[in-house]
Amino acid sequence: MNHRRLAQDYEAHPHHSEAMIHPAMINLVTRRITTETTPTRRGL
């Protein structure tokens, strides 16, 4: 798990949790956009 801090709500204030989610989502989306997918062999 890349973002263990987000696995459970450790923060006392909701805006702290929200502040941690934004960079995690930016990281996730940019990784999905930039990685090349390899063809799978499903159905063969």
PDB file of N, CA and C in Angstrom:
ATOM      1  N   MET A   1       0.849  -1.164   0.000  1.00  0.00           N
ATOM      2  CA  MET A   1       0.000   0.000   0.000  1.00  0.00           C
ATOM      3  C   MET A   1       0.900   1.234   0.000  1.00  0.00           C
ATOM      4  N   ASN A   2       0.714   2.104  -0.951  1.00  0.00           N
ATOM      5  CA  ASN A   2       1.578   3.270  -1.088  1.00  0.00           C
ATOM      6  C   ASN A   2       1.257   4.379  -0.107  1.00  0.00           C
ATOM      7  N   HIS A   3       0.014   4.520   0.247  1.00  0.00           N
ATOM      8  CA  HIS A   3      -0.400   5.626   1.102  1.00  0.00           C
ATOM      9  C   HIS A   3      -1.016   5.064   2.381  1.00  0.00           C
ATOM     10  N   ARG A   4      -0.171   4.519   3.239  1.00  0.00           N
ATOM     11  CA  ARG A   4      -0.651   3.878   4.467  1.00  0.00           C
ATOM     12  C   ARG A   4      -1.353   4.848   5.401  1.00  0.00           C
ATOM     13  N   ARG A   5      -0.937   6.085   5.382  1.00  0.00           N
ATOM     14  CA  ARG A   5      -1.544   7.071   6.276  1.00  0.00           C
ATOM     15  C   ARG A   5      -3.027   7.270   5.960  1.00  0.00           C
ATOM     16  N   LEU A   6      -3.427   7.004   4.728  1.00  0.00           N
ATOM     17  CA  LEU A   6      -4.817   7.181   4.331  1.00  0.00           C
ATOM     18  C   LEU A   6      -5.657   5.936   4.590  1.00  0.00           C
ATOM     19  N   ALA A   7      -5.034   4.850   5.021  1.00  0.00           N
ATOM     20  CA  ALA A   7      -5.759   3.608   5.245  1.00  0.00           C
ATOM     21  C   ALA A   7      -6.684   3.693   6.456  1.00  0.00           C
ATOM     22  N   GLN A   8      -6.333   4.539   7.391  1.00  0.00           N
ATOM     23  CA  GLN A   8      -7.156   4.718   8.578  1.00  0.00           C
ATOM     24  C   GLN A   8      -7.148   6.199   8.924  1.00  0.00           C
ATOM     25  N   ASP A   9      -8.207   6.678   9.538  1.00  0.00           N
ATOM     26  CA  ASP A   9      -8.310   8.097   9.845  1.00  0.00           C
ATOM     27  C   ASP A   9      -7.573   8.404  11.142  1.00  0.00           C
ATOM     28  N   TYR A  10      -6.326   8.859  11.022  1.00  0.00           N
ATOM     29  CA  TYR A  10      -5.516   9.188  12.186  1.00  0.00           C
ATOM     30  C   TYR A  10      -5.630  10.660  12.565  1.00  0.00           C
ATOM     31  N   GLU A  11      -6.112  11.470  11.657  1.00  0.00           N
ATOM     32  CA  GLU A  11      -6.118  12.915  11.860  1.00  0.00           C
ATOM     33  C   GLU A  11      -7.288  13.348  12.734  1.00  0.00           C
ATOM     34  N   ALA A  12      -7.053  14.357  13.550  1.00  0.00           N
ATOM     35  CA  ALA A  12      -8.096  14.878  14.437  1.00  0.00           C
ATOM     36  C   ALA A  12      -9.053  15.796  13.687  1.00  0.00           C
ATOM     37  N   HIS A  13      -8.542  16.502  12.691  1.00  0.00           N
ATOM     38  CA  HIS A  13      -9.362  17.449  11.942  1.00  0.00           C
ATOM     39  C   HIS A  13      -9.556  16.951  10.512  1.00  0.00           C
ATOM     40  N   PRO A  14     -10.775  17.030   9.994  1.00  0.00           N
ATOM     41  CA  PRO A  14     -11.049  16.525   8.646  1.00  0.00           C
ATOM     42  C   PRO A  14     -10.225  17.206   7.554  1.00  0.00           C
ATOM     43  N   HIS A  15      -9.911  18.481   7.716  1.00  0.00           N
ATOM     44  CA  HIS A  15      -9.157  19.157   6.659  1.00  0.00           C
ATOM     45  C   HIS A  15      -7.724  18.633   6.562  1.00  0.00           C
ATOM     46  N   HIS A  16      -7.188  18.042   7.621  1.00  0.00           N
ATOM     47  CA  HIS A  16      -5.865  17.417   7.536  1.00  0.00           C
ATOM     48  C   HIS A  16      -5.932  16.164   6.665  1.00  0.00           C
ATOM     49  N   SER A  17      -6.981  15.377   6.853  1.00  0.00           N
ATOM     50  CA  SER A  17      -7.154  14.175   6.026  1.00  0.00           C
ATOM     51  C   SER A  17      -7.349  14.555   4.569  1.00  0.00           C
ATOM     52  N   GLU A  18      -8.134  15.594   4.348  1.00  0.00           N
ATOM     53  CA  GLU A  18      -8.375  16.055   2.985  1.00  0.00           C
ATOM     54  C   GLU A  18      -7.076  16.540   2.344  1.00  0.00           C
ATOM     55  N   ALA A  19      -6.246  17.203   3.116  1.00  0.00           N
ATOM     56  CA  ALA A  19      -4.966  17.692   2.604  1.00  0.00           C
ATOM     57  C   ALA A  19      -4.048  16.537   2.221  1.00  0.00           C
ATOM     58  N   MET A  20      -4.160  15.399   2.892  1.00  0.00           N
ATOM     59  CA  MET A  20      -3.339  14.240   2.548  1.00  0.00           C
ATOM     60  C   MET A  20      -3.890  13.503   1.329  1.00  0.00           C
ATOM     61  N   ILE A  21      -5.194  13.569   1.120  1.00  0.00           N
ATOM     62  CA  ILE A  21      -5.818  12.871  -0.002  1.00  0.00           C
ATOM     63  C   ILE A  21      -5.455  13.527  -1.329  1.00  0.00           C
ATOM     64  N   HIS A  22      -5.391  14.839  -1.371  1.00  0.00           N
ATOM     65  CA  HIS A  22      -5.106  15.538  -2.622  1.00  0.00           C
ATOM     66  C   HIS A  22      -3.762  15.123  -3.239  1.00  0.00           C
ATOM     67  N   PRO A  23      -2.646  15.169  -2.523  1.00  0.00           N
ATOM     68  CA  PRO A  23      -1.384  14.712  -3.137  1.00  0.00           C
ATOM     69  C   PRO A  23      -1.405  13.227  -3.507  1.00  0.00           C
ATOM     70  N   ALA A  24      -2.097  12.419  -2.712  1.00  0.00           N
ATOM     71  CA  ALA A  24      -2.179  10.991  -3.020  1.00  0.00           C
ATOM     72  C   ALA A  24      -2.928  10.764  -4.329  1.00  0.00           C
ATOM     73  N   MET A  25      -4.012  11.487  -4.537  1.00  0.00           N
ATOM     74  CA  MET A  25      -4.786  11.336  -5.768  1.00  0.00           C
ATOM     75  C   MET A  25      -4.019  11.885  -6.967  1.00  0.00           C
ATOM     76  N   ILE A  26      -3.305  12.989  -6.777  1.00  0.00           N
ATOM     77  CA  ILE A  26      -2.476  13.523  -7.862  1.00  0.00           C
ATOM     78  C   ILE A  26      -1.418  12.501  -8.253  1.00  0.00           C
ATOM     79  N   ASN A  27      -0.794  11.880  -7.269  1.00  0.00           N
ATOM     80  CA  ASN A  27       0.212  10.852  -7.521  1.00  0.00           C
ATOM     81  C   ASN A  27      -0.403   9.668  -8.262  1.00  0.00           C
ATOM     82  N   LEU A  28      -1.564   9.231  -7.825  1.00  0.00           N
ATOM     83  CA  LEU A  28      -2.226   8.087  -8.440  1.00  0.00           C
ATOM     84  C   LEU A  28      -2.596   8.363  -9.893  1.00  0.00           C
ATOM     85  N   VAL A  29      -3.192   9.514 -10.145  1.00  0.00           N
ATOM     86  CA  VAL A  29      -3.630   9.845 -11.501  1.00  0.00           C
ATOM     87  C   VAL A  29      -2.436  10.017 -12.433  1.00  0.00           C
ATOM     88  N   THR A  30      -1.401  10.700 -11.988  1.00  0.00           N
ATOM     89  CA  THR A  30      -0.238  10.879 -12.864  1.00  0.00           C
ATOM     90  C   THR A  30       0.458   9.555 -13.147  1.00  0.00           C
ATOM     91  N   ARG A  31       0.481   8.660 -12.176  1.00  0.00           N
ATOM     92  CA  ARG A  31       1.081   7.341 -12.407  1.00  0.00           C
ATOM     93  C   ARG A  31       0.260   6.546 -13.414  1.00  0.00           C
ATOM     94  N   ARG A  32      -1.060   6.635 -13.314  1.00  0.00           N
ATOM     95  CA  ARG A  32      -1.912   5.912 -14.263  1.00  0.00           C
ATOM     96  C   ARG A  32      -1.781   6.467 -15.668  1.00  0.00           C
ATOM     97  N   ILE A  33      -1.629   7.774 -15.786  1.00  0.00           N
ATOM     98  CA  ILE A  33      -1.523   8.393 -17.105  1.00  0.00           C
ATOM     99  C   ILE A  33      -0.192   8.057 -17.758  1.00  0.00           C
ATOM    100  N   THR A  34       0.882   8.041 -16.985  1.00  0.00           N
ATOM    101  CA  THR A  34       2.218   7.916 -17.568  1.00  0.00           C
ATOM    102  C   THR A  34       2.696   6.482 -17.748  1.00  0.00           C
ATOM    103  N   THR A  35       2.129   5.520 -17.042  1.00  0.00           N
ATOM    104  CA  THR A  35       2.618   4.147 -17.193  1.00  0.00           C
ATOM    105  C   THR A  35       2.033   3.510 -18.442  1.00  0.00           C
ATOM    106  N   GLU A  36       2.853   2.744 -19.097  1.00  0.00           N
ATOM    107  CA  GLU A  36       2.398   2.014 -20.273  1.00  0.00           C
ATOM    108  C   GLU A  36       1.827   0.680 -19.823  1.00  0.00           C
ATOM    109  N   THR A  37       0.714   0.322 -20.395  1.00  0.00           N
ATOM    110  CA  THR A  37       0.115  -0.960 -20.049  1.00  0.00           C
ATOM    111  C   THR A  37       0.647  -2.025 -20.995  1.00  0.00           C
ATOM    112  N   THR A  38       0.880  -3.184 -20.459  1.00  0.00           N
ATOM    113  CA  THR A  38       1.314  -4.302 -21.280  1.00  0.00           C
ATOM    114  C   THR A  38       0.093  -5.147 -21.617  1.00  0.00           C
ATOM    115  N   PRO A  39       0.038  -5.658 -22.808  1.00  0.00           N
ATOM    116  CA  PRO A  39      -1.118  -6.478 -23.173  1.00  0.00           C
ATOM    117  C   PRO A  39      -1.179  -7.755 -22.336  1.00  0.00           C
ATOM    118  N   THR A  40      -2.355  -8.095 -21.885  1.00  0.00           N
ATOM    119  CA  THR A  40      -2.520  -9.318 -21.103  1.00  0.00           C
ATOM    120  C   THR A  40      -2.947 -10.452 -22.023  1.00  0.00           C
ATOM    121  N   ARG A  41      -2.837 -11.663 -21.528  1.00  0.00           N
ATOM    122  CA  ARG A  41      -3.177 -12.826 -22.339  1.00  0.00           C
ATOM    123  C   ARG A  41      -4.508 -13.419 -21.912  1.00  0.00           C
ATOM    124  N   ARG A  42      -5.440 -12.594 -21.539  1.00  0.00           N
ATOM    125  CA  ARG A  42      -6.750 -13.098 -21.129  1.00  0.00           C
ATOM    126  C   ARG A  42      -7.495 -13.669 -22.330  1.00  0.00           C
ATOM    127  N   GLY A  43      -8.122 -14.763 -22.106  1.00  0.00           N
ATOM    128  CA  GLY A  43      -8.933 -15.377 -23.149  1.00  0.00           C
ATOM    129  C   GLY A  43      -8.141 -16.159 -24.176  1.00  0.00           C
ATOM    130  N   LEU A  44      -6.860 -16.290 -24.009  1.00  0.00           N
ATOM    131  CA  LEU A  44      -6.066 -17.065 -24.973  1.00  0.00           C
ATOM    132  C   LEU A  44      -5.769 -18.437 -24.443  1.00  0.00           C
TER     133      LEU A  44
END
